[in-house]
Every structure is written in structure tokens, then in C-alpha cells.
Amino acid sequence: MKESSIGETMNIALASPVQVGGNIFTPEQLAKISNVVGLDAKIEITPFRQIYVEVPIDQRGTIQQELERSGLEVYTAGAVTKSLIACQFCRGAEEAGLDTARMLNQAIAGIETPTPMKIGYAGCALGTSEPLLKNIGVVKMRDKFDIYVGGESKGLKATLAKKLVSELAEDELVAIIMKLIDYYKANAKGKEKFSRFVERISLEKLQGVLL
């Protein structure tokens, strides 16, 4: 195995836990980021609710442990499924499905994909996390869940996701979404965006393959 050269850097992605109130970082966590990565590090706020931090490759493991001890979540940056973009759970943790969202995040975050993927979760039809502008959106409707696919927020012509399946039970969500990601990885043309992939394959074919 080739060792990393001293002085080389890489980006890591930081996120706060999925929680009531949304994407919240505490002052202590922000101070920890500054102390651990140093004053010269490059820090980027991303549109998918992660913070990218440039760190030395040979110190990546140590830095990750320090950040995780402060309650932060550390993920791979780049062409992967991003950590779950969840709502603020304004209807309460139980009614809006906080445990479900945490389960989803643990299952899907950080999977290598042809292009970066944003996956959203909303605990009710208000959709404050804008799930229909995500590549995959999950919306809780009472005690069932709907999955939408193909959303794209970039560009002058944003695309709303279309409903793939409705009225899923909680224990069906992870399997369906993982199957969807795996199918995308196996059938995408090069670095084809997921929204274009859905348009090319068609919603009907995805339903037939996945369900």
C-alpha cells in the first residue's frame, strides 16, 4: 500500500447529527474545528449542509477522532451520497420520525457514487428540507413514507423530484433506497447526474426494477 506523502492534504466533510432543530453546530464544536485543523486550513460551507475542511492526509485519522469526540459526524468528501439533509422536526421527534431519519442517515451516508448525491428527509408534507429538490427525497405521511426521485436544484431550470413509490413502511425504506443507489451505480453513463439518469431510464422502469 502506498503511503501518503507528508504535506499532502484532503477534504473531509463535517455534519452535525440529525436532530430536532435542524443543522445545528454548537460554539464548542466550531471552536473544536478551528483548534484541530488550525488557522491556515481551508473551510467551505457547502449547499448540502456539510462543512468541508482541508486536513493533512497523514493526520486524517487523528483529526477525525478529535472531531467525533465533540459530537460531529465525519464523512468522505466528493462523489458520494451526502449525509441526510433532514427537516427541523417541528412536529416533534416521534411524530416526524427522528429515529427513522437517523437510521436512514447511518445507512446511506458516504457511499461512493458516479456523482455527488443529495438525499432529503421531511417529517411531514410541509417539506421544510425541500425533499423534492433532492436527488432522492423521503417524506413521512402520517405513519407511512413516500419516496421521490430525480430532483435537481442546480441550474436555471430546477427539476422537481417525481414520486417513485408511496405508503412504504419504515422497515422498507433502507432496502429500497440502497437498491436505487446500487442500480444507479451499475447503470449510470460515466459521471451522469442522478437527475439525468432518472430521466433517461424513466420512472416506470425504475419502479419495475426496484419494486
N, C-alpha and C. Protein backbone atom coordinates (compact mmCIF):
# COMPACT_ATOMS: atom_id res chain seq x y z
N MET A 1 0.84 -1.20 0.00
CA MET A 1 0.00 0.00 0.00
C MET A 1 0.87 1.24 0.00
N LYS A 2 0.60 2.17 -0.89
CA LYS A 2 1.40 3.37 -1.00
C LYS A 2 1.07 4.34 0.13
N GLU A 3 2.10 4.81 0.84
CA GLU A 3 1.89 5.73 1.94
C GLU A 3 1.68 7.14 1.40
N SER A 4 0.87 7.92 2.11
CA SER A 4 0.62 9.30 1.73
C SER A 4 1.86 10.14 1.99
N SER A 5 2.14 11.06 1.11
CA SER A 5 3.29 11.95 1.27
C SER A 5 2.99 12.99 2.32
N ILE A 6 3.99 13.31 3.12
CA ILE A 6 3.85 14.34 4.13
C ILE A 6 3.61 15.68 3.43
N GLY A 7 2.66 16.43 3.91
CA GLY A 7 2.33 17.71 3.32
C GLY A 7 1.13 17.69 2.41
N GLU A 8 0.71 16.50 1.95
CA GLU A 8 -0.48 16.41 1.11
C GLU A 8 -1.73 16.60 1.96
N THR A 9 -2.76 17.17 1.34
CA THR A 9 -4.00 17.43 2.07
C THR A 9 -5.19 16.80 1.36
N MET A 10 -6.30 16.72 2.06
CA MET A 10 -7.54 16.19 1.52
C MET A 10 -8.69 16.89 2.23
N ASN A 11 -9.86 16.84 1.62
CA ASN A 11 -11.06 17.38 2.26
C ASN A 11 -11.80 16.29 3.00
N ILE A 12 -12.31 16.64 4.17
CA ILE A 12 -13.25 15.78 4.87
C ILE A 12 -14.54 16.59 5.05
N ALA A 13 -15.66 15.89 5.17
CA ALA A 13 -16.96 16.54 5.30
C ALA A 13 -17.47 16.40 6.72
N LEU A 14 -17.86 17.51 7.32
CA LEU A 14 -18.37 17.51 8.69
C LEU A 14 -19.85 17.84 8.69
N ALA A 15 -20.59 17.18 9.56
CA ALA A 15 -22.02 17.45 9.70
C ALA A 15 -22.40 17.32 11.16
N SER A 16 -23.43 18.05 11.54
CA SER A 16 -24.00 17.86 12.87
C SER A 16 -24.94 16.66 12.81
N PRO A 17 -25.23 16.03 13.95
CA PRO A 17 -26.15 14.89 13.93
C PRO A 17 -27.54 15.29 13.45
N VAL A 18 -28.29 14.35 12.91
CA VAL A 18 -29.68 14.58 12.58
C VAL A 18 -30.42 14.79 13.89
N GLN A 19 -31.08 15.93 14.04
CA GLN A 19 -31.64 16.29 15.35
C GLN A 19 -32.80 17.26 15.20
N VAL A 20 -33.60 17.36 16.28
CA VAL A 20 -34.65 18.36 16.33
C VAL A 20 -34.01 19.74 16.27
N GLY A 21 -34.54 20.60 15.42
CA GLY A 21 -33.97 21.93 15.26
C GLY A 21 -33.15 22.08 14.00
N GLY A 22 -32.83 20.95 13.34
CA GLY A 22 -32.12 21.03 12.07
C GLY A 22 -30.61 20.96 12.19
N ASN A 23 -29.95 21.68 11.29
CA ASN A 23 -28.50 21.60 11.13
C ASN A 23 -27.83 22.55 12.12
N ILE A 24 -27.64 22.09 13.35
CA ILE A 24 -27.14 22.95 14.42
C ILE A 24 -25.72 22.54 14.81
N PHE A 25 -24.82 23.53 14.81
CA PHE A 25 -23.47 23.35 15.34
C PHE A 25 -23.36 24.17 16.62
N THR A 26 -22.78 23.59 17.65
CA THR A 26 -22.60 24.32 18.90
C THR A 26 -21.34 25.17 18.84
N PRO A 27 -21.23 26.22 19.66
CA PRO A 27 -20.00 27.01 19.72
C PRO A 27 -18.78 26.15 20.04
N GLU A 28 -18.98 25.16 20.91
CA GLU A 28 -17.87 24.27 21.27
C GLU A 28 -17.38 23.47 20.06
N GLN A 29 -18.33 23.02 19.22
CA GLN A 29 -17.94 22.26 18.04
C GLN A 29 -17.20 23.13 17.03
N LEU A 30 -17.66 24.35 16.84
CA LEU A 30 -16.98 25.25 15.92
C LEU A 30 -15.58 25.58 16.43
N ALA A 31 -15.45 25.75 17.74
CA ALA A 31 -14.13 26.01 18.32
C ALA A 31 -13.22 24.79 18.15
N LYS A 32 -13.79 23.59 18.30
CA LYS A 32 -13.01 22.37 18.13
C LYS A 32 -12.49 22.26 16.70
N ILE A 33 -13.34 22.59 15.71
CA ILE A 33 -12.90 22.54 14.32
C ILE A 33 -11.70 23.46 14.12
N SER A 34 -11.81 24.67 14.64
CA SER A 34 -10.72 25.64 14.49
C SER A 34 -9.45 25.17 15.17
N ASN A 35 -9.59 24.62 16.38
CA ASN A 35 -8.40 24.19 17.13
C ASN A 35 -7.72 22.99 16.49
N VAL A 36 -8.54 22.06 15.97
CA VAL A 36 -7.98 20.81 15.44
C VAL A 36 -7.34 21.01 14.07
N VAL A 37 -7.99 21.76 13.19
CA VAL A 37 -7.46 21.87 11.82
C VAL A 37 -6.48 23.02 11.65
N GLY A 38 -6.47 23.97 12.59
CA GLY A 38 -5.51 25.06 12.51
C GLY A 38 -6.04 26.27 11.77
N LEU A 39 -5.40 27.40 11.99
CA LEU A 39 -5.88 28.67 11.44
C LEU A 39 -5.67 28.79 9.93
N ASP A 40 -4.76 27.98 9.36
CA ASP A 40 -4.48 28.08 7.93
C ASP A 40 -5.32 27.14 7.08
N ALA A 41 -6.14 26.31 7.71
CA ALA A 41 -6.94 25.34 6.96
C ALA A 41 -8.03 26.03 6.14
N LYS A 42 -8.38 25.43 5.02
CA LYS A 42 -9.47 25.94 4.19
C LYS A 42 -10.77 25.29 4.64
N ILE A 43 -11.79 26.12 4.90
CA ILE A 43 -13.09 25.64 5.37
C ILE A 43 -14.16 26.16 4.43
N GLU A 44 -15.00 25.25 3.95
CA GLU A 44 -16.04 25.61 2.97
C GLU A 44 -17.41 25.19 3.49
N ILE A 45 -18.38 26.11 3.44
CA ILE A 45 -19.76 25.77 3.73
C ILE A 45 -20.42 25.31 2.44
N THR A 46 -20.93 24.10 2.41
CA THR A 46 -21.49 23.53 1.19
C THR A 46 -23.01 23.73 1.15
N PRO A 47 -23.62 23.60 -0.03
CA PRO A 47 -25.08 23.72 -0.14
C PRO A 47 -25.82 22.49 0.35
N PHE A 48 -25.12 21.44 0.75
CA PHE A 48 -25.79 20.25 1.26
C PHE A 48 -25.57 20.06 2.76
N ARG A 49 -25.45 21.19 3.46
CA ARG A 49 -25.42 21.21 4.93
C ARG A 49 -24.24 20.43 5.52
N GLN A 50 -23.15 20.46 4.84
CA GLN A 50 -21.89 19.93 5.37
C GLN A 50 -20.84 21.03 5.35
N ILE A 51 -19.84 20.87 6.18
CA ILE A 51 -18.68 21.75 6.16
C ILE A 51 -17.50 20.94 5.64
N TYR A 52 -16.87 21.43 4.56
CA TYR A 52 -15.66 20.80 4.06
C TYR A 52 -14.45 21.43 4.73
N VAL A 53 -13.57 20.59 5.23
CA VAL A 53 -12.37 21.07 5.90
C VAL A 53 -11.16 20.38 5.27
N GLU A 54 -10.17 21.17 4.92
CA GLU A 54 -8.93 20.64 4.35
C GLU A 54 -7.99 20.25 5.48
N VAL A 55 -7.55 18.98 5.47
CA VAL A 55 -6.67 18.47 6.54
C VAL A 55 -5.50 17.71 5.92
N PRO A 56 -4.38 17.62 6.63
CA PRO A 56 -3.26 16.80 6.15
C PRO A 56 -3.67 15.33 6.08
N ILE A 57 -3.32 14.67 5.00
CA ILE A 57 -3.70 13.27 4.83
C ILE A 57 -3.15 12.40 5.95
N ASP A 58 -1.91 12.64 6.35
CA ASP A 58 -1.30 11.78 7.36
C ASP A 58 -1.86 12.01 8.76
N GLN A 59 -2.69 13.05 8.94
CA GLN A 59 -3.30 13.31 10.24
C GLN A 59 -4.81 13.09 10.22
N ARG A 60 -5.32 12.57 9.13
CA ARG A 60 -6.76 12.44 8.94
C ARG A 60 -7.42 11.64 10.06
N GLY A 61 -6.86 10.50 10.41
CA GLY A 61 -7.44 9.64 11.43
C GLY A 61 -7.52 10.30 12.79
N THR A 62 -6.42 10.93 13.18
CA THR A 62 -6.38 11.61 14.48
C THR A 62 -7.37 12.76 14.53
N ILE A 63 -7.40 13.54 13.46
CA ILE A 63 -8.32 14.68 13.40
C ILE A 63 -9.78 14.21 13.44
N GLN A 64 -10.09 13.13 12.72
CA GLN A 64 -11.46 12.60 12.73
C GLN A 64 -11.87 12.19 14.14
N GLN A 65 -10.99 11.51 14.86
CA GLN A 65 -11.32 11.09 16.22
C GLN A 65 -11.60 12.28 17.12
N GLU A 66 -10.80 13.32 16.99
CA GLU A 66 -10.99 14.52 17.81
C GLU A 66 -12.34 15.17 17.51
N LEU A 67 -12.67 15.27 16.25
CA LEU A 67 -13.93 15.91 15.86
C LEU A 67 -15.14 15.07 16.28
N GLU A 68 -15.04 13.78 16.14
CA GLU A 68 -16.15 12.90 16.54
C GLU A 68 -16.37 12.94 18.05
N ARG A 69 -15.31 13.10 18.81
CA ARG A 69 -15.47 13.20 20.26
C ARG A 69 -16.26 14.43 20.67
N SER A 70 -16.29 15.45 19.81
CA SER A 70 -17.05 16.67 20.11
C SER A 70 -18.51 16.56 19.64
N GLY A 71 -18.88 15.39 19.09
CA GLY A 71 -20.26 15.18 18.64
C GLY A 71 -20.49 15.42 17.17
N LEU A 72 -19.44 15.76 16.43
CA LEU A 72 -19.56 15.96 14.99
C LEU A 72 -19.52 14.62 14.25
N GLU A 73 -20.12 14.59 13.07
CA GLU A 73 -20.04 13.42 12.22
C GLU A 73 -19.09 13.73 11.07
N VAL A 74 -18.22 12.78 10.74
CA VAL A 74 -17.19 12.98 9.72
C VAL A 74 -17.42 12.01 8.57
N TYR A 75 -17.46 12.56 7.35
CA TYR A 75 -17.74 11.76 6.17
C TYR A 75 -16.69 12.02 5.09
N THR A 76 -16.70 11.15 4.09
CA THR A 76 -15.86 11.34 2.91
C THR A 76 -16.43 12.47 2.07
N ALA A 77 -15.57 13.32 1.55
CA ALA A 77 -16.00 14.39 0.66
C ALA A 77 -15.97 13.88 -0.79
N GLY A 78 -16.63 14.64 -1.68
CA GLY A 78 -16.53 14.32 -3.11
C GLY A 78 -17.74 13.56 -3.63
N ALA A 79 -17.50 12.64 -4.57
CA ALA A 79 -18.57 11.93 -5.27
C ALA A 79 -19.10 10.78 -4.42
N VAL A 80 -19.90 11.13 -3.45
CA VAL A 80 -20.52 10.16 -2.55
C VAL A 80 -21.94 10.62 -2.23
N THR A 81 -22.72 9.75 -1.61
CA THR A 81 -24.01 10.16 -1.07
C THR A 81 -23.73 11.02 0.16
N LYS A 82 -24.31 12.20 0.19
CA LYS A 82 -24.07 13.11 1.30
C LYS A 82 -24.87 12.68 2.53
N SER A 83 -24.49 13.18 3.69
CA SER A 83 -25.27 12.90 4.88
C SER A 83 -26.69 13.43 4.69
N LEU A 84 -27.64 12.79 5.33
CA LEU A 84 -29.05 13.09 5.11
C LEU A 84 -29.37 14.56 5.39
N ILE A 85 -30.05 15.20 4.46
CA ILE A 85 -30.50 16.58 4.62
C ILE A 85 -31.91 16.53 5.18
N ALA A 86 -32.04 16.69 6.48
CA ALA A 86 -33.31 16.48 7.16
C ALA A 86 -33.97 17.79 7.54
N CYS A 87 -35.26 17.71 7.84
CA CYS A 87 -36.02 18.87 8.27
C CYS A 87 -35.71 19.20 9.73
N GLN A 88 -36.44 20.14 10.28
CA GLN A 88 -36.21 20.56 11.66
C GLN A 88 -37.06 19.79 12.67
N PHE A 89 -37.88 18.86 12.20
CA PHE A 89 -38.73 18.03 13.06
C PHE A 89 -39.62 18.91 13.94
N CYS A 90 -40.25 19.90 13.29
CA CYS A 90 -41.08 20.87 14.02
C CYS A 90 -42.33 20.22 14.62
N ARG A 91 -42.73 19.08 14.13
CA ARG A 91 -43.89 18.38 14.67
C ARG A 91 -43.52 17.46 15.84
N GLY A 92 -42.25 17.48 16.22
CA GLY A 92 -41.80 16.63 17.31
C GLY A 92 -41.05 15.42 16.81
N ALA A 93 -40.12 14.93 17.62
CA ALA A 93 -39.24 13.85 17.20
C ALA A 93 -40.01 12.58 16.84
N GLU A 94 -41.00 12.23 17.64
CA GLU A 94 -41.71 10.98 17.40
C GLU A 94 -42.63 11.09 16.19
N GLU A 95 -43.44 12.14 16.12
CA GLU A 95 -44.39 12.27 15.01
C GLU A 95 -43.69 12.46 13.67
N ALA A 96 -42.57 13.20 13.66
CA ALA A 96 -41.86 13.48 12.41
C ALA A 96 -40.84 12.41 12.04
N GLY A 97 -40.62 11.45 12.91
CA GLY A 97 -39.76 10.31 12.56
C GLY A 97 -38.27 10.56 12.69
N LEU A 98 -37.86 11.16 13.80
CA LEU A 98 -36.43 11.42 14.01
C LEU A 98 -35.61 10.14 13.98
N ASP A 99 -36.07 9.10 14.66
CA ASP A 99 -35.33 7.84 14.67
C ASP A 99 -35.20 7.24 13.27
N THR A 100 -36.26 7.39 12.47
CA THR A 100 -36.22 6.91 11.10
C THR A 100 -35.16 7.66 10.29
N ALA A 101 -35.13 8.98 10.45
CA ALA A 101 -34.15 9.79 9.73
C ALA A 101 -32.73 9.42 10.13
N ARG A 102 -32.51 9.20 11.41
CA ARG A 102 -31.17 8.80 11.87
C ARG A 102 -30.77 7.44 11.30
N MET A 103 -31.72 6.52 11.24
CA MET A 103 -31.45 5.21 10.66
C MET A 103 -31.08 5.34 9.19
N LEU A 104 -31.81 6.18 8.45
CA LEU A 104 -31.51 6.40 7.04
C LEU A 104 -30.12 6.99 6.86
N ASN A 105 -29.80 8.00 7.66
CA ASN A 105 -28.51 8.64 7.54
C ASN A 105 -27.37 7.65 7.76
N GLN A 106 -27.51 6.82 8.77
CA GLN A 106 -26.47 5.84 9.05
C GLN A 106 -26.29 4.85 7.90
N ALA A 107 -27.40 4.53 7.23
CA ALA A 107 -27.34 3.54 6.15
C ALA A 107 -26.79 4.10 4.86
N ILE A 108 -27.09 5.36 4.54
CA ILE A 108 -26.83 5.85 3.18
C ILE A 108 -25.65 6.82 3.06
N ALA A 109 -25.23 7.44 4.13
CA ALA A 109 -24.22 8.50 4.01
C ALA A 109 -22.84 7.93 3.66
N GLY A 110 -22.19 8.55 2.67
CA GLY A 110 -20.80 8.22 2.37
C GLY A 110 -20.59 7.10 1.37
N ILE A 111 -21.63 6.71 0.63
CA ILE A 111 -21.48 5.66 -0.38
C ILE A 111 -20.90 6.27 -1.66
N GLU A 112 -19.88 5.68 -2.22
CA GLU A 112 -19.27 6.20 -3.44
C GLU A 112 -20.24 6.08 -4.61
N THR A 113 -20.44 7.15 -5.35
CA THR A 113 -21.39 7.19 -6.47
C THR A 113 -20.76 7.92 -7.65
N PRO A 114 -21.32 7.77 -8.86
CA PRO A 114 -20.73 8.44 -10.04
C PRO A 114 -20.63 9.95 -9.88
N THR A 115 -21.61 10.56 -9.26
CA THR A 115 -21.59 11.99 -8.95
C THR A 115 -22.15 12.16 -7.54
N PRO A 116 -21.88 13.31 -6.89
CA PRO A 116 -22.43 13.51 -5.55
C PRO A 116 -23.95 13.41 -5.55
N MET A 117 -24.50 12.79 -4.49
CA MET A 117 -25.95 12.63 -4.39
C MET A 117 -26.46 13.27 -3.11
N LYS A 118 -27.56 14.01 -3.23
CA LYS A 118 -28.21 14.62 -2.07
C LYS A 118 -29.51 13.88 -1.78
N ILE A 119 -29.66 13.45 -0.56
CA ILE A 119 -30.85 12.71 -0.14
C ILE A 119 -31.52 13.48 0.98
N GLY A 120 -32.80 13.80 0.80
CA GLY A 120 -33.51 14.63 1.75
C GLY A 120 -34.58 13.86 2.51
N TYR A 121 -34.92 14.36 3.69
CA TYR A 121 -35.96 13.74 4.51
C TYR A 121 -36.84 14.84 5.09
N ALA A 122 -38.14 14.65 5.00
CA ALA A 122 -39.09 15.58 5.62
C ALA A 122 -40.07 14.78 6.46
N GLY A 123 -40.32 15.26 7.67
CA GLY A 123 -41.19 14.54 8.59
C GLY A 123 -42.66 14.79 8.39
N CYS A 124 -43.00 15.63 7.41
CA CYS A 124 -44.41 15.89 7.10
C CYS A 124 -44.50 16.55 5.73
N ALA A 125 -45.71 16.82 5.27
CA ALA A 125 -45.91 17.37 3.94
C ALA A 125 -45.46 18.83 3.80
N LEU A 126 -45.13 19.50 4.90
CA LEU A 126 -44.59 20.86 4.80
C LEU A 126 -43.26 20.86 4.05
N GLY A 127 -42.50 19.80 4.20
CA GLY A 127 -41.26 19.63 3.42
C GLY A 127 -40.25 20.74 3.59
N THR A 128 -39.97 21.15 4.83
CA THR A 128 -39.05 22.28 5.04
C THR A 128 -37.62 21.98 4.61
N SER A 129 -37.27 20.71 4.45
CA SER A 129 -35.93 20.35 3.96
C SER A 129 -35.88 20.30 2.43
N GLU A 130 -36.99 20.68 1.79
CA GLU A 130 -37.09 20.70 0.32
C GLU A 130 -36.74 19.36 -0.32
N PRO A 131 -37.40 18.29 0.11
CA PRO A 131 -37.05 16.95 -0.39
C PRO A 131 -37.25 16.78 -1.89
N LEU A 132 -38.16 17.56 -2.50
CA LEU A 132 -38.41 17.41 -3.93
C LEU A 132 -37.35 18.09 -4.78
N LEU A 133 -36.40 18.78 -4.15
CA LEU A 133 -35.26 19.34 -4.87
C LEU A 133 -34.00 18.50 -4.65
N LYS A 134 -34.16 17.36 -4.02
CA LYS A 134 -33.04 16.45 -3.78
C LYS A 134 -33.07 15.32 -4.79
N ASN A 135 -31.94 14.66 -4.96
CA ASN A 135 -31.88 13.53 -5.89
C ASN A 135 -32.83 12.42 -5.45
N ILE A 136 -32.86 12.16 -4.16
CA ILE A 136 -33.84 11.24 -3.57
C ILE A 136 -34.47 11.96 -2.38
N GLY A 137 -35.79 11.95 -2.32
CA GLY A 137 -36.48 12.59 -1.22
C GLY A 137 -37.41 11.62 -0.52
N VAL A 138 -37.38 11.64 0.80
CA VAL A 138 -38.27 10.81 1.60
C VAL A 138 -39.20 11.72 2.39
N VAL A 139 -40.49 11.49 2.30
CA VAL A 139 -41.47 12.31 3.01
C VAL A 139 -42.36 11.41 3.86
N LYS A 140 -42.42 11.70 5.15
CA LYS A 140 -43.28 10.94 6.06
C LYS A 140 -44.70 11.49 5.97
N MET A 141 -45.64 10.60 5.73
CA MET A 141 -47.06 10.97 5.66
C MET A 141 -47.79 10.12 6.69
N ARG A 142 -48.04 10.73 7.85
CA ARG A 142 -48.60 10.01 9.00
C ARG A 142 -47.65 8.88 9.39
N ASP A 143 -48.06 7.63 9.25
CA ASP A 143 -47.19 6.53 9.67
C ASP A 143 -46.58 5.79 8.48
N LYS A 144 -46.66 6.38 7.28
CA LYS A 144 -46.08 5.78 6.08
C LYS A 144 -45.12 6.77 5.43
N PHE A 145 -44.40 6.31 4.38
CA PHE A 145 -43.37 7.12 3.76
C PHE A 145 -43.48 7.05 2.24
N ASP A 146 -43.29 8.21 1.59
CA ASP A 146 -43.22 8.30 0.14
C ASP A 146 -41.78 8.58 -0.28
N ILE A 147 -41.35 8.01 -1.40
CA ILE A 147 -40.01 8.26 -1.94
C ILE A 147 -40.13 8.95 -3.28
N TYR A 148 -39.41 10.04 -3.45
CA TYR A 148 -39.36 10.80 -4.69
C TYR A 148 -37.95 10.71 -5.27
N VAL A 149 -37.83 10.77 -6.59
CA VAL A 149 -36.51 10.66 -7.22
C VAL A 149 -36.37 11.69 -8.34
N GLY A 150 -35.12 12.09 -8.59
CA GLY A 150 -34.81 12.91 -9.77
C GLY A 150 -34.80 14.40 -9.55
N GLY A 151 -34.89 14.86 -8.32
CA GLY A 151 -34.85 16.30 -8.08
C GLY A 151 -33.47 16.87 -8.35
N GLU A 152 -33.42 18.12 -8.78
CA GLU A 152 -32.15 18.79 -9.07
C GLU A 152 -32.34 20.28 -8.82
N SER A 153 -31.57 20.83 -7.88
CA SER A 153 -31.72 22.24 -7.52
C SER A 153 -30.80 23.16 -8.32
N LYS A 154 -29.79 22.60 -8.98
CA LYS A 154 -28.83 23.42 -9.72
C LYS A 154 -29.37 23.81 -11.09
N GLY A 155 -28.85 24.92 -11.60
CA GLY A 155 -29.21 25.35 -12.94
C GLY A 155 -30.40 26.29 -12.95
N LEU A 156 -30.62 26.94 -14.08
CA LEU A 156 -31.73 27.88 -14.20
C LEU A 156 -33.08 27.18 -14.28
N LYS A 157 -33.06 25.90 -14.65
CA LYS A 157 -34.29 25.13 -14.73
C LYS A 157 -34.22 23.99 -13.70
N ALA A 158 -34.55 24.33 -12.46
CA ALA A 158 -34.55 23.33 -11.40
C ALA A 158 -35.61 22.27 -11.70
N THR A 159 -35.33 21.03 -11.28
CA THR A 159 -36.22 19.91 -11.54
C THR A 159 -36.79 19.38 -10.25
N LEU A 160 -38.11 19.24 -10.19
CA LEU A 160 -38.73 18.65 -9.02
C LEU A 160 -38.71 17.13 -9.13
N ALA A 161 -38.43 16.47 -8.02
CA ALA A 161 -38.45 15.01 -7.99
C ALA A 161 -39.87 14.50 -8.21
N LYS A 162 -39.96 13.30 -8.77
CA LYS A 162 -41.26 12.66 -9.00
C LYS A 162 -41.42 11.48 -8.05
N LYS A 163 -42.65 11.22 -7.70
CA LYS A 163 -42.92 10.15 -6.73
C LYS A 163 -42.62 8.79 -7.35
N LEU A 164 -41.74 8.04 -6.70
CA LEU A 164 -41.39 6.69 -7.15
C LEU A 164 -42.32 5.66 -6.53
N VAL A 165 -42.55 5.80 -5.23
CA VAL A 165 -43.38 4.83 -4.51
C VAL A 165 -43.98 5.53 -3.31
N SER A 166 -45.13 5.07 -2.89
CA SER A 166 -45.80 5.69 -1.75
C SER A 166 -46.23 4.64 -0.73
N GLU A 167 -46.51 5.12 0.46
CA GLU A 167 -47.04 4.32 1.56
C GLU A 167 -46.14 3.14 1.93
N LEU A 168 -44.84 3.42 2.00
CA LEU A 168 -43.90 2.40 2.47
C LEU A 168 -43.90 2.36 3.99
N ALA A 169 -43.66 1.19 4.54
CA ALA A 169 -43.42 1.06 5.97
C ALA A 169 -41.99 1.46 6.27
N GLU A 170 -41.73 1.83 7.51
CA GLU A 170 -40.39 2.27 7.90
C GLU A 170 -39.33 1.23 7.56
N ASP A 171 -39.63 -0.04 7.81
CA ASP A 171 -38.62 -1.08 7.61
C ASP A 171 -38.37 -1.40 6.14
N GLU A 172 -39.08 -0.74 5.22
CA GLU A 172 -38.85 -0.94 3.78
C GLU A 172 -37.95 0.14 3.19
N LEU A 173 -37.75 1.24 3.89
CA LEU A 173 -37.08 2.40 3.32
C LEU A 173 -35.64 2.13 2.91
N VAL A 174 -34.85 1.62 3.83
CA VAL A 174 -33.42 1.45 3.57
C VAL A 174 -33.19 0.53 2.38
N ALA A 175 -33.91 -0.59 2.33
CA ALA A 175 -33.72 -1.55 1.24
C ALA A 175 -34.02 -0.93 -0.11
N ILE A 176 -35.11 -0.15 -0.21
CA ILE A 176 -35.49 0.48 -1.47
C ILE A 176 -34.45 1.51 -1.90
N ILE A 177 -34.02 2.35 -0.97
CA ILE A 177 -33.07 3.41 -1.31
C ILE A 177 -31.70 2.82 -1.66
N MET A 178 -31.27 1.81 -0.95
CA MET A 178 -29.99 1.17 -1.28
C MET A 178 -30.05 0.50 -2.64
N LYS A 179 -31.17 -0.12 -2.95
CA LYS A 179 -31.33 -0.75 -4.27
C LYS A 179 -31.28 0.31 -5.37
N LEU A 180 -31.89 1.45 -5.09
CA LEU A 180 -31.89 2.56 -6.05
C LEU A 180 -30.48 3.09 -6.29
N ILE A 181 -29.72 3.28 -5.22
CA ILE A 181 -28.34 3.75 -5.34
C ILE A 181 -27.49 2.73 -6.10
N ASP A 182 -27.65 1.46 -5.76
CA ASP A 182 -26.87 0.41 -6.43
C ASP A 182 -27.20 0.34 -7.92
N TYR A 183 -28.47 0.52 -8.26
CA TYR A 183 -28.86 0.48 -9.67
C TYR A 183 -28.27 1.66 -10.43
N TYR A 184 -28.26 2.80 -9.80
CA TYR A 184 -27.63 3.99 -10.40
C TYR A 184 -26.14 3.76 -10.63
N LYS A 185 -25.46 3.22 -9.64
CA LYS A 185 -24.02 2.97 -9.77
C LYS A 185 -23.73 1.98 -10.90
N ALA A 186 -24.57 0.99 -11.06
CA ALA A 186 -24.34 -0.05 -12.06
C ALA A 186 -24.71 0.39 -13.47
N ASN A 187 -25.60 1.39 -13.62
CA ASN A 187 -26.14 1.71 -14.94
C ASN A 187 -25.92 3.15 -15.40
N ALA A 188 -25.30 3.98 -14.57
CA ALA A 188 -25.02 5.35 -14.99
C ALA A 188 -23.98 5.37 -16.11
N LYS A 189 -24.10 6.35 -16.99
CA LYS A 189 -23.12 6.52 -18.06
C LYS A 189 -22.05 7.50 -17.60
N GLY A 190 -20.91 6.96 -17.22
CA GLY A 190 -19.82 7.81 -16.73
C GLY A 190 -20.24 8.58 -15.49
N LYS A 191 -20.06 9.91 -15.56
CA LYS A 191 -20.42 10.77 -14.44
C LYS A 191 -21.79 11.42 -14.67
N GLU A 192 -22.72 10.61 -15.06
CA GLU A 192 -24.07 11.07 -15.32
C GLU A 192 -24.76 11.47 -14.01
N LYS A 193 -25.32 12.66 -13.98
CA LYS A 193 -26.05 13.11 -12.80
C LYS A 193 -27.25 12.21 -12.56
N PHE A 194 -27.61 12.08 -11.28
CA PHE A 194 -28.71 11.19 -10.94
C PHE A 194 -30.02 11.68 -11.55
N SER A 195 -30.25 12.99 -11.59
CA SER A 195 -31.49 13.51 -12.17
C SER A 195 -31.59 13.15 -13.66
N ARG A 196 -30.48 13.24 -14.38
CA ARG A 196 -30.48 12.87 -15.80
C ARG A 196 -30.63 11.36 -15.96
N PHE A 197 -30.05 10.61 -15.05
CA PHE A 197 -30.18 9.16 -15.06
C PHE A 197 -31.64 8.75 -14.93
N VAL A 198 -32.34 9.36 -13.99
CA VAL A 198 -33.76 9.05 -13.80
C VAL A 198 -34.56 9.40 -15.04
N GLU A 199 -34.25 10.53 -15.65
CA GLU A 199 -34.96 10.95 -16.86
C GLU A 199 -34.70 9.97 -18.00
N ARG A 200 -33.46 9.50 -18.13
CA ARG A 200 -33.11 8.58 -19.22
C ARG A 200 -33.72 7.20 -19.00
N ILE A 201 -33.62 6.69 -17.79
CA ILE A 201 -34.11 5.34 -17.50
C ILE A 201 -35.64 5.31 -17.49
N SER A 202 -36.25 6.36 -16.98
CA SER A 202 -37.69 6.57 -16.82
C SER A 202 -38.16 6.06 -15.46
N LEU A 203 -39.13 6.77 -14.95
CA LEU A 203 -39.70 6.43 -13.65
C LEU A 203 -40.34 5.04 -13.68
N GLU A 204 -41.00 4.74 -14.76
CA GLU A 204 -41.70 3.46 -14.88
C GLU A 204 -40.72 2.28 -14.82
N LYS A 205 -39.58 2.40 -15.49
CA LYS A 205 -38.61 1.32 -15.47
C LYS A 205 -38.01 1.16 -14.08
N LEU A 206 -37.73 2.29 -13.42
CA LEU A 206 -37.20 2.21 -12.06
C LEU A 206 -38.19 1.51 -11.13
N GLN A 207 -39.45 1.83 -11.28
CA GLN A 207 -40.47 1.17 -10.46
C GLN A 207 -40.48 -0.33 -10.71
N GLY A 208 -40.35 -0.72 -11.97
CA GLY A 208 -40.35 -2.14 -12.32
C GLY A 208 -39.13 -2.87 -11.80
N VAL A 209 -37.98 -2.21 -11.85
CA VAL A 209 -36.73 -2.84 -11.41
C VAL A 209 -36.63 -2.94 -9.90
N LEU A 210 -37.09 -1.89 -9.23
CA LEU A 210 -36.82 -1.78 -7.80
C LEU A 210 -37.93 -2.30 -6.91
N LEU A 211 -39.13 -2.38 -7.40
CA LEU A 211 -40.25 -2.70 -6.52
C LEU A 211 -40.81 -4.11 -6.78
